[in-house]
C-alpha atoms as a PDB file:
ATOM      1  CA  MET A   1     127.903  47.557  67.339  1.00  0.00           C
ATOM      2  CA  ARG A   2     129.193  46.665  63.876  1.00  0.00           C
ATOM      3  CA  SER A   3     127.551  48.609  61.061  1.00  0.00           C
ATOM      4  CA  SER A   4     127.527  45.714  58.588  1.00  0.00           C
ATOM      5  CA  HIS A   5     123.994  44.369  58.135  1.00  0.00           C
ATOM      6  CA  LYS A   6     122.579  47.077  60.403  1.00  0.00           C
ATOM      7  CA  VAL A   7     119.631  49.261  59.398  1.00  0.00           C
ATOM      8  CA  VAL A   8     120.165  52.941  60.203  1.00  0.00           C
ATOM      9  CA  LEU A   9     117.559  55.708  59.885  1.00  0.00           C
ATOM     10  CA  ILE A  10     118.942  59.267  59.698  1.00  0.00           C
ATOM     11  CA  THR A  11     116.864  62.447  59.712  1.00  0.00           C
ATOM     12  CA  GLY A  12     118.187  65.632  58.138  1.00  0.00           C
ATOM     13  CA  ALA A  13     120.172  63.379  55.803  1.00  0.00           C
ATOM     14  CA  SER A  14     120.274  65.588  52.690  1.00  0.00           C
ATOM     15  CA  SER A  15     123.323  67.666  53.700  1.00  0.00           C
ATOM     16  CA  GLY A  16     125.870  68.493  56.389  1.00  0.00           C
ATOM     17  CA  ILE A  17     126.168  66.163  59.364  1.00  0.00           C
ATOM     18  CA  GLY A  18     123.271  63.975  58.210  1.00  0.00           C
ATOM     19  CA  ARG A  19     124.835  63.360  54.792  1.00  0.00           C
ATOM     20  CA  ALA A  20     128.262  62.722  56.296  1.00  0.00           C
ATOM     21  CA  THR A  21     126.811  60.275  58.825  1.00  0.00           C
ATOM     22  CA  ALA A  22     124.950  58.421  56.075  1.00  0.00           C
ATOM     23  CA  LEU A  23     128.116  57.998  54.026  1.00  0.00           C
ATOM     24  CA  ALA A  24     130.126  56.949  57.090  1.00  0.00           C
ATOM     25  CA  PHE A  25     127.617  54.198  57.887  1.00  0.00           C
ATOM     26  CA  SER A  26     127.359  53.161  54.231  1.00  0.00           C
ATOM     27  CA  ARG A  27     131.138  52.664  54.007  1.00  0.00           C
ATOM     28  CA  ARG A  28     130.683  50.059  56.727  1.00  0.00           C
ATOM     29  CA  GLY A  29     127.951  48.230  54.823  1.00  0.00           C
ATOM     30  CA  ALA A  30     124.879  49.510  56.662  1.00  0.00           C
ATOM     31  CA  SER A  31     121.444  49.709  55.063  1.00  0.00           C
ATOM     32  CA  LEU A  32     120.097  53.244  55.294  1.00  0.00           C
ATOM     33  CA  VAL A  33     116.751  54.979  55.554  1.00  0.00           C
ATOM     34  CA  LEU A  34     117.404  58.619  54.659  1.00  0.00           C
ATOM     35  CA  ALA A  35     114.871  61.283  55.610  1.00  0.00           C
ATOM     36  CA  ALA A  36     114.819  65.005  54.774  1.00  0.00           C
ATOM     37  CA  ARG A  37     112.632  67.580  53.066  1.00  0.00           C
ATOM     38  CA  ARG A  38     114.716  68.074  49.898  1.00  0.00           C
ATOM     39  CA  GLU A  39     114.003  65.089  47.671  1.00  0.00           C
ATOM     40  CA  GLY A  40     116.599  65.899  45.018  1.00  0.00           C
ATOM     41  CA  ARG A  41     119.451  66.246  47.510  1.00  0.00           C
ATOM     42  CA  LEU A  42     118.242  63.163  49.374  1.00  0.00           C
ATOM     43  CA  ALA A  43     118.346  61.102  46.165  1.00  0.00           C
ATOM     44  CA  GLU A  44     121.933  62.239  45.567  1.00  0.00           C
ATOM     45  CA  VAL A  45     122.985  61.039  49.024  1.00  0.00           C
ATOM     46  CA  ALA A  46     121.251  57.700  48.434  1.00  0.00           C
ATOM     47  CA  THR A  47     123.161  57.275  45.161  1.00  0.00           C
ATOM     48  CA  GLU A  48     126.472  58.093  46.888  1.00  0.00           C
ATOM     49  CA  ALA A  49     125.707  55.624  49.660  1.00  0.00           C
ATOM     50  CA  ALA A  50     124.970  52.868  47.148  1.00  0.00           C
ATOM     51  CA  ARG A  51     128.308  53.494  45.423  1.00  0.00           C
ATOM     52  CA  LEU A  52     130.076  53.085  48.769  1.00  0.00           C
ATOM     53  CA  GLY A  53     128.525  49.694  49.376  1.00  0.00           C
ATOM     54  CA  GLY A  54     125.412  50.388  51.406  1.00  0.00           C
ATOM     55  CA  SER A  55     121.800  50.238  50.317  1.00  0.00           C
ATOM     56  CA  ALA A  56     119.607  53.284  50.851  1.00  0.00           C
ATOM     57  CA  LEU A  57     115.921  54.129  50.891  1.00  0.00           C
ATOM     58  CA  ALA A  58     115.273  57.863  50.495  1.00  0.00           C
ATOM     59  CA  VAL A  59     112.005  59.162  51.950  1.00  0.00           C
ATOM     60  CA  ARG A  60     110.937  62.793  51.860  1.00  0.00           C
ATOM     61  CA  CYS A  61     109.904  63.703  55.408  1.00  0.00           C
ATOM     62  CA  ASP A  62     109.310  66.890  57.370  1.00  0.00           C
ATOM     63  CA  VAL A  63     109.700  65.905  61.025  1.00  0.00           C
ATOM     64  CA  THR A  64     107.178  68.575  62.064  1.00  0.00           C
ATOM     65  CA  ARG A  65     104.410  66.757  60.144  1.00  0.00           C
ATOM     66  CA  PRO A  66     103.049  63.713  62.008  1.00  0.00           C
ATOM     67  CA  GLU A  67     101.579  62.084  58.905  1.00  0.00           C
ATOM     68  CA  GLU A  68     104.939  62.243  57.101  1.00  0.00           C
ATOM     69  CA  VAL A  69     106.770  60.740  60.069  1.00  0.00           C
ATOM     70  CA  ARG A  70     104.261  57.884  60.236  1.00  0.00           C
ATOM     71  CA  GLU A  71     104.720  57.242  56.514  1.00  0.00           C
ATOM     72  CA  LEU A  72     108.506  57.275  56.957  1.00  0.00           C
ATOM     73  CA  MET A  73     108.290  54.533  59.580  1.00  0.00           C
ATOM     74  CA  ALA A  74     105.810  52.523  57.531  1.00  0.00           C
ATOM     75  CA  ARG A  75     108.151  52.543  54.535  1.00  0.00           C
ATOM     76  CA  ALA A  76     111.160  51.687  56.694  1.00  0.00           C
ATOM     77  CA  GLY A  77     109.258  48.769  58.195  1.00  0.00           C
ATOM     78  CA  ARG A  78     108.164  47.438  54.802  1.00  0.00           C
ATOM     79  CA  ALA A  79     111.676  47.721  53.377  1.00  0.00           C
ATOM     80  CA  PHE A  80     113.768  46.397  56.275  1.00  0.00           C
ATOM     81  CA  GLY A  81     111.458  45.003  58.941  1.00  0.00           C
ATOM     82  CA  GLY A  82     113.034  46.977  61.777  1.00  0.00           C
ATOM     83  CA  LEU A  83     115.701  49.506  62.776  1.00  0.00           C
ATOM     84  CA  ASP A  84     119.012  48.989  64.536  1.00  0.00           C
ATOM     85  CA  VAL A  85     119.957  52.668  64.836  1.00  0.00           C
ATOM     86  CA  LEU A  86     117.952  55.893  64.768  1.00  0.00           C
ATOM     87  CA  VAL A  87     120.026  59.062  64.282  1.00  0.00           C
ATOM     88  CA  ASN A  88     117.952  62.127  65.185  1.00  0.00           C
ATOM     89  CA  ASN A  89     119.867  64.804  63.293  1.00  0.00           C
ATOM     90  CA  ALA A  90     117.298  67.165  61.733  1.00  0.00           C
ATOM     91  CA  GLY A  91     117.800  70.641  63.168  1.00  0.00           C
ATOM     92  CA  LEU A  92     117.231  74.358  62.690  1.00  0.00           C
ATOM     93  CA  GLY A  93     119.156  77.312  64.111  1.00  0.00           C
ATOM     94  CA  LEU A  94     118.141  80.742  65.404  1.00  0.00           C
ATOM     95  CA  TYR A  95     120.467  83.711  66.002  1.00  0.00           C
ATOM     96  CA  GLY A  96     119.534  87.002  67.652  1.00  0.00           C
ATOM     97  CA  PRO A  97     118.561  88.502  71.020  1.00  0.00           C
ATOM     98  CA  LEU A  98     115.484  86.911  72.529  1.00  0.00           C
ATOM     99  CA  GLU A  99     113.559  90.209  72.646  1.00  0.00           C
ATOM    100  CA  GLN A 100     113.915  90.496  68.860  1.00  0.00           C
ATOM    101  CA  CYS A 101     112.953  86.885  68.068  1.00  0.00           C
ATOM    102  CA  THR A 102     109.316  86.326  67.199  1.00  0.00           C
ATOM    103  CA  ASP A 103     107.108  83.677  68.790  1.00  0.00           C
ATOM    104  CA  GLU A 104     106.925  81.998  65.399  1.00  0.00           C
ATOM    105  CA  GLN A 105     110.709  81.744  65.122  1.00  0.00           C
ATOM    106  CA  VAL A 106     111.193  80.262  68.588  1.00  0.00           C
ATOM    107  CA  GLU A 107     108.290  77.873  68.092  1.00  0.00           C
ATOM    108  CA  ARG A 108     109.648  76.778  64.715  1.00  0.00           C
ATOM    109  CA  VAL A 109     113.053  75.942  66.200  1.00  0.00           C
ATOM    110  CA  PHE A 110     111.449  73.875  68.965  1.00  0.00           C
ATOM    111  CA  ALA A 111     109.107  72.245  66.452  1.00  0.00           C
ATOM    112  CA  VAL A 112     112.084  70.874  64.517  1.00  0.00           C
ATOM    113  CA  ASN A 113     114.787  70.410  67.149  1.00  0.00           C
ATOM    114  CA  PHE A 114     112.725  69.063  70.041  1.00  0.00           C
ATOM    115  CA  PHE A 115     109.169  68.126  69.122  1.00  0.00           C
ATOM    116  CA  GLY A 116     110.247  66.685  65.767  1.00  0.00           C
ATOM    117  CA  LEU A 117     112.934  64.597  67.472  1.00  0.00           C
ATOM    118  CA  ALA A 118     110.468  63.370  70.096  1.00  0.00           C
ATOM    119  CA  ARG A 119     107.908  62.519  67.406  1.00  0.00           C
ATOM    120  CA  VAL A 120     110.382  60.576  65.263  1.00  0.00           C
ATOM    121  CA  THR A 121     111.638  58.683  68.312  1.00  0.00           C
ATOM    122  CA  ARG A 122     108.143  57.768  69.461  1.00  0.00           C
ATOM    123  CA  GLU A 123     107.123  56.495  66.032  1.00  0.00           C
ATOM    124  CA  ALA A 124     110.413  54.591  65.584  1.00  0.00           C
ATOM    125  CA  LEU A 125     110.231  52.671  68.859  1.00  0.00           C
ATOM    126  CA  PRO A 126     108.155  49.749  67.509  1.00  0.00           C
ATOM    127  CA  LEU A 127     110.752  49.219  64.752  1.00  0.00           C
ATOM    128  CA  LEU A 128     113.674  49.554  67.156  1.00  0.00           C
ATOM    129  CA  ARG A 129     112.141  46.988  69.499  1.00  0.00           C
ATOM    130  CA  ARG A 130     112.255  44.407  66.721  1.00  0.00           C
ATOM    131  CA  LYS A 131     116.068  44.376  66.876  1.00  0.00           C
ATOM    132  CA  THR A 132     118.514  43.346  69.593  1.00  0.00           C
ATOM    133  CA  ARG A 133     120.399  46.151  71.361  1.00  0.00           C
ATOM    134  CA  ALA A 134     119.035  48.895  69.122  1.00  0.00           C
ATOM    135  CA  GLN A 135     120.183  52.484  69.521  1.00  0.00           C
ATOM    136  CA  ILE A 136     118.798  56.001  69.474  1.00  0.00           C
ATOM    137  CA  ILE A 137     121.472  58.635  68.786  1.00  0.00           C
ATOM    138  CA  ASN A 138     120.394  62.219  69.415  1.00  0.00           C
ATOM    139  CA  VAL A 139     122.499  64.931  67.777  1.00  0.00           C
ATOM    140  CA  SER A 140     122.579  67.889  70.153  1.00  0.00           C
ATOM    141  CA  SER A 141     125.165  70.702  70.365  1.00  0.00           C
ATOM    142  CA  VAL A 142     127.874  71.981  72.681  1.00  0.00           C
ATOM    143  CA  VAL A 143     125.551  74.950  73.331  1.00  0.00           C
ATOM    144  CA  GLY A 144     122.965  72.527  74.677  1.00  0.00           C
ATOM    145  CA  HIS A 145     125.355  72.062  77.609  1.00  0.00           C
ATOM    146  CA  ARG A 146     126.272  75.750  77.980  1.00  0.00           C
ATOM    147  CA  GLY A 147     124.072  78.513  76.565  1.00  0.00           C
ATOM    148  CA  LEU A 148     125.568  81.478  74.705  1.00  0.00           C
ATOM    149  CA  PRO A 149     124.216  84.994  74.105  1.00  0.00           C
ATOM    150  CA  MET A 150     122.261  85.552  70.870  1.00  0.00           C
ATOM    151  CA  LEU A 151     121.483  81.842  70.668  1.00  0.00           C
ATOM    152  CA  SER A 152     118.951  81.485  73.473  1.00  0.00           C
ATOM    153  CA  GLY A 153     116.182  79.831  71.460  1.00  0.00           C
ATOM    154  CA  TYR A 154     118.532  77.365  69.813  1.00  0.00           C
ATOM    155  CA  CYS A 155     120.427  76.624  73.031  1.00  0.00           C
ATOM    156  CA  ALA A 156     117.173  76.013  74.890  1.00  0.00           C
ATOM    157  CA  SER A 157     115.952  73.568  72.241  1.00  0.00           C
ATOM    158  CA  LYS A 158     119.186  71.579  72.452  1.00  0.00           C
ATOM    159  CA  ALA A 159     119.164  71.631  76.267  1.00  0.00           C
ATOM    160  CA  ALA A 160     115.694  70.099  76.013  1.00  0.00           C
ATOM    161  CA  VAL A 161     117.127  67.383  73.755  1.00  0.00           C
ATOM    162  CA  ASN A 162     119.801  66.669  76.368  1.00  0.00           C
ATOM    163  CA  ALA A 163     117.202  66.291  79.124  1.00  0.00           C
ATOM    164  CA  LEU A 164     114.998  64.108  76.929  1.00  0.00           C
ATOM    165  CA  THR A 165     117.989  61.899  76.156  1.00  0.00           C
ATOM    166  CA  GLU A 166     118.736  61.364  79.841  1.00  0.00           C
ATOM    167  CA  SER A 167     115.110  60.525  80.582  1.00  0.00           C
ATOM    168  CA  LEU A 168     114.801  58.089  77.675  1.00  0.00           C
ATOM    169  CA  ARG A 169     118.106  56.433  78.558  1.00  0.00           C
ATOM    170  CA  ALA A 170     116.751  55.445  81.962  1.00  0.00           C
ATOM    171  CA  GLU A 171     113.265  54.738  80.634  1.00  0.00           C
ATOM    172  CA  LEU A 172     114.345  52.371  77.852  1.00  0.00           C
ATOM    173  CA  ALA A 173     117.347  50.685  79.482  1.00  0.00           C
ATOM    174  CA  PRO A 174     115.271  47.760  80.831  1.00  0.00           C
ATOM    175  CA  GLU A 175     114.349  46.938  77.223  1.00  0.00           C
ATOM    176  CA  GLY A 176     117.988  46.870  76.103  1.00  0.00           C
ATOM    177  CA  LEU A 177     117.698  50.076  74.054  1.00  0.00           C
ATOM    178  CA  ASP A 178     120.696  52.406  74.175  1.00  0.00           C
ATOM    179  CA  VAL A 179     120.113  56.167  74.023  1.00  0.00           C
ATOM    180  CA  LEU A 180     123.241  58.138  73.113  1.00  0.00           C
ATOM    181  CA  LEU A 181     124.001  61.847  72.868  1.00  0.00           C
ATOM    182  CA  VAL A 182     126.475  63.427  70.432  1.00  0.00           C
ATOM    183  CA  SER A 183     127.137  67.168  70.768  1.00  0.00           C
ATOM    184  CA  PRO A 184     129.103  68.808  67.935  1.00  0.00           C
ATOM    185  CA  GLY A 185     130.411  72.351  68.003  1.00  0.00           C
ATOM    186  CA  LEU A 186     130.665  74.651  64.994  1.00  0.00           C
ATOM    187  CA  THR A 187     130.565  72.446  61.888  1.00  0.00           C
ATOM    188  CA  GLU A 188     131.174  73.148  58.206  1.00  0.00           C
ATOM    189  CA  SER A 189     127.698  72.821  56.685  1.00  0.00           C
ATOM    190  CA  GLU A 190     124.744  74.774  55.332  1.00  0.00           C
ATOM    191  CA  PHE A 191     123.354  75.128  58.845  1.00  0.00           C
ATOM    192  CA  ARG A 192     124.236  78.818  59.285  1.00  0.00           C
ATOM    193  CA  GLU A 193     122.717  79.754  55.920  1.00  0.00           C
ATOM    194  CA  ALA A 194     119.466  77.944  56.682  1.00  0.00           C
ATOM    195  CA  ARG A 195     118.843  79.213  60.194  1.00  0.00           C
ATOM    196  CA  LEU A 196     116.432  81.915  61.275  1.00  0.00           C
ATOM    197  CA  TYR A 197     117.295  85.540  62.115  1.00  0.00           C
ATOM    198  CA  PRO A 198     115.263  88.407  63.547  1.00  0.00           C
ATOM    199  CA  GLN A 199     115.186  91.458  61.309  1.00  0.00           C
ATOM    200  CA  GLY A 200     118.529  93.290  61.295  1.00  0.00           C
ATOM    201  CA  TYR A 201     120.625  90.389  62.552  1.00  0.00           C
ATOM    202  CA  GLN A 202     123.076  88.283  60.578  1.00  0.00           C
ATOM    203  CA  GLN A 203     126.310  86.413  61.252  1.00  0.00           C
ATOM    204  CA  GLU A 204     129.210  86.685  58.872  1.00  0.00           C
ATOM    205  CA  LYS A 205     132.377  86.452  60.941  1.00  0.00           C
ATOM    206  CA  VAL A 206     133.272  83.183  62.619  1.00  0.00           C
ATOM    207  CA  PRO A 207     135.967  83.501  65.310  1.00  0.00           C
ATOM    208  CA  PHE A 208     136.127  79.721  65.792  1.00  0.00           C
ATOM    209  CA  ARG A 209     137.507  77.078  63.515  1.00  0.00           C
ATOM    210  CA  ALA A 210     134.742  74.842  62.226  1.00  0.00           C
ATOM    211  CA  VAL A 211     135.217  71.083  62.102  1.00  0.00           C
ATOM    212  CA  SER A 212     134.234  69.114  59.034  1.00  0.00           C
ATOM    213  CA  ALA A 213     130.863  67.422  58.773  1.00  0.00           C
ATOM    214  CA  GLU A 214     132.766  64.261  57.879  1.00  0.00           C
ATOM    215  CA  SER A 215     134.586  64.250  61.226  1.00  0.00           C
ATOM    216  CA  VAL A 216     131.246  64.592  63.035  1.00  0.00           C
ATOM    217  CA  GLY A 217     129.772  61.757  60.968  1.00  0.00           C
ATOM    218  CA  GLU A 218     132.683  59.516  61.911  1.00  0.00           C
ATOM    219  CA  ALA A 219     132.244  60.490  65.572  1.00  0.00           C
ATOM    220  CA  ILE A 220     128.586  59.450  65.422  1.00  0.00           C
ATOM    221  CA  VAL A 221     129.529  56.070  63.945  1.00  0.00           C
ATOM    222  CA  ARG A 222     132.218  55.682  66.609  1.00  0.00           C
ATOM    223  CA  ALA A 223     129.715  56.505  69.368  1.00  0.00           C
ATOM    224  CA  SER A 224     127.393  53.854  67.948  1.00  0.00           C
ATOM    225  CA  ARG A 225     130.162  51.256  67.804  1.00  0.00           C
ATOM    226  CA  THR A 226     131.381  51.915  71.359  1.00  0.00           C
ATOM    227  CA  ARG A 227     127.913  52.700  72.755  1.00  0.00           C
ATOM    228  CA  ARG A 228     129.338  55.827  74.367  1.00  0.00           C
ATOM    229  CA  ARG A 229     126.594  57.543  76.356  1.00  0.00           C
ATOM    230  CA  THR A 230     127.677  61.154  75.795  1.00  0.00           C
ATOM    231  CA  THR A 231     130.121  62.559  73.253  1.00  0.00           C
ATOM    232  CA  VAL A 232     131.096  66.251  73.291  1.00  0.00           C
ATOM    233  CA  LEU A 233     133.167  67.027  70.212  1.00  0.00           C
ATOM    234  CA  THR A 234     136.397  69.018  69.985  1.00  0.00           C
ATOM    235  CA  LEU A 235     138.786  69.984  72.728  1.00  0.00           C
ATOM    236  CA  ALA A 236     137.369  73.529  72.783  1.00  0.00           C
ATOM    237  CA  GLY A 237     133.842  72.204  73.224  1.00  0.00           C
ATOM    238  CA  ARG A 238     134.821  69.940  76.097  1.00  0.00           C
ATOM    239  CA  ALA A 239     136.792  72.772  77.697  1.00  0.00           C
ATOM    240  CA  MET A 240     133.754  75.068  77.519  1.00  0.00           C
ATOM    241  CA  VAL A 241     131.500  72.482  79.153  1.00  0.00           C
ATOM    242  CA  TYR A 242     134.050  71.771  81.883  1.00  0.00           C
ATOM    243  CA  ALA A 243     134.733  75.464  82.541  1.00  0.00           C
ATOM    244  CA  ASN A 244     131.026  76.085  82.921  1.00  0.00           C
ATOM    245  CA  ARG A 245     130.824  73.398  85.604  1.00  0.00           C
ATOM    246  CA  VAL A 246     133.705  74.686  87.698  1.00  0.00           C
ATOM    247  CA  SER A 247     133.381  78.448  87.110  1.00  0.00           C
ATOM    248  CA  PRO A 248     130.044  79.478  85.558  1.00  0.00           C
ATOM    249  CA  TRP A 249     130.539  83.169  86.394  1.00  0.00           C
ATOM    250  CA  LEU A 250     133.779  83.175  84.395  1.00  0.00           C
ATOM    251  CA  MET A 251     132.068  81.432  81.480  1.00  0.00           C
ATOM    252  CA  ASP A 252     129.421  84.169  81.523  1.00  0.00           C
ATOM    253  CA  LYS A 253     132.181  86.704  80.864  1.00  0.00           C
ATOM    254  CA  VAL A 254     133.791  84.536  78.196  1.00  0.00           C
ATOM    255  CA  ALA A 255     130.429  83.922  76.517  1.00  0.00           C
ATOM    256  CA  ARG A 256     129.772  87.636  76.178  1.00  0.00           C
ATOM    257  CA  ARG A 257     133.063  87.997  74.332  1.00  0.00           C
ATOM    258  CA  MET A 258     132.447  84.937  72.168  1.00  0.00           C
ATOM    259  CA  VAL A 259     129.191  86.114  70.590  1.00  0.00           C
ATOM    260  CA  GLY A 260     128.429  89.619  69.345  1.00  0.00           C
ATOM    261  CA  GLY A 261     125.406  91.520  68.123  1.00  0.00           C
ATOM    262  CA  PRO A 262     124.067  92.604  64.733  1.00  0.00           C
ATOM    263  CA  ALA A 263     125.802  92.142  61.394  1.00  0.00           C
ATOM    264  CA  GLY A 264     128.078  89.319  62.454  1.00  0.00           C
ATOM    265  CA  GLU A 265     130.141  90.660  65.331  1.00  0.00           C
ATOM    266  CA  GLY A 266     130.526  87.146  66.643  1.00  0.00           C
ATOM    267  CA  GLU A 267     129.658  83.507  66.186  1.00  0.00           C
ATOM    268  CA  ALA A 268     128.990  80.504  68.372  1.00  0.00           C
END
């Protein structure tokens, strides 16, 4: 799928992977619909995209609010008539032992990562059906394929995204809609600063090397172009997923060493 003349809607587009993906598509001439909660940051990304050669419509949208998602799709439809690509990127993290996480924290993570993604997808389908060979790209995580300690709520939300992606892929294939999954590992972004923590828990040390948001954005564009069903990023991420398949008991031991407890003893 060539990006030129395509219309791409990206959630969580104001920073990190969403911003990088927007700029990667704009460099290839795509028209963008950018959605996020922070209007000022969103406007900055739209201006950058325009300088790179793409056109961009910035729409403030909280994916947990049905009325805002409906308005997002209405504005996208009025501006461009339909969508070629939907990138479900909006996400929220949670770090801490499950027994210390509150119901509100776990529910909030699922509200953004899973229910928000499902809501945006459902509302976008009429616009996607107006185009030929449209795509839904769900941004998951390596830890959606293999859970790690201290990240249970987040891992579970991403595992749910993975299962939803598989179901939708089979469900929508007869209509010619592609449903793709991209799973980054640790990425340089504001994600860690924005995520939720139970009282007394924080992460400061990162024993893994983070990849750039720009490299993830390029990987998402590449997945769109090649229509690759599932993309797990980085050699370490693919190794972790493979090791979990062939020796899950060993990965349990490794996982306990990978992630620590309070005050940043480890990082996923």
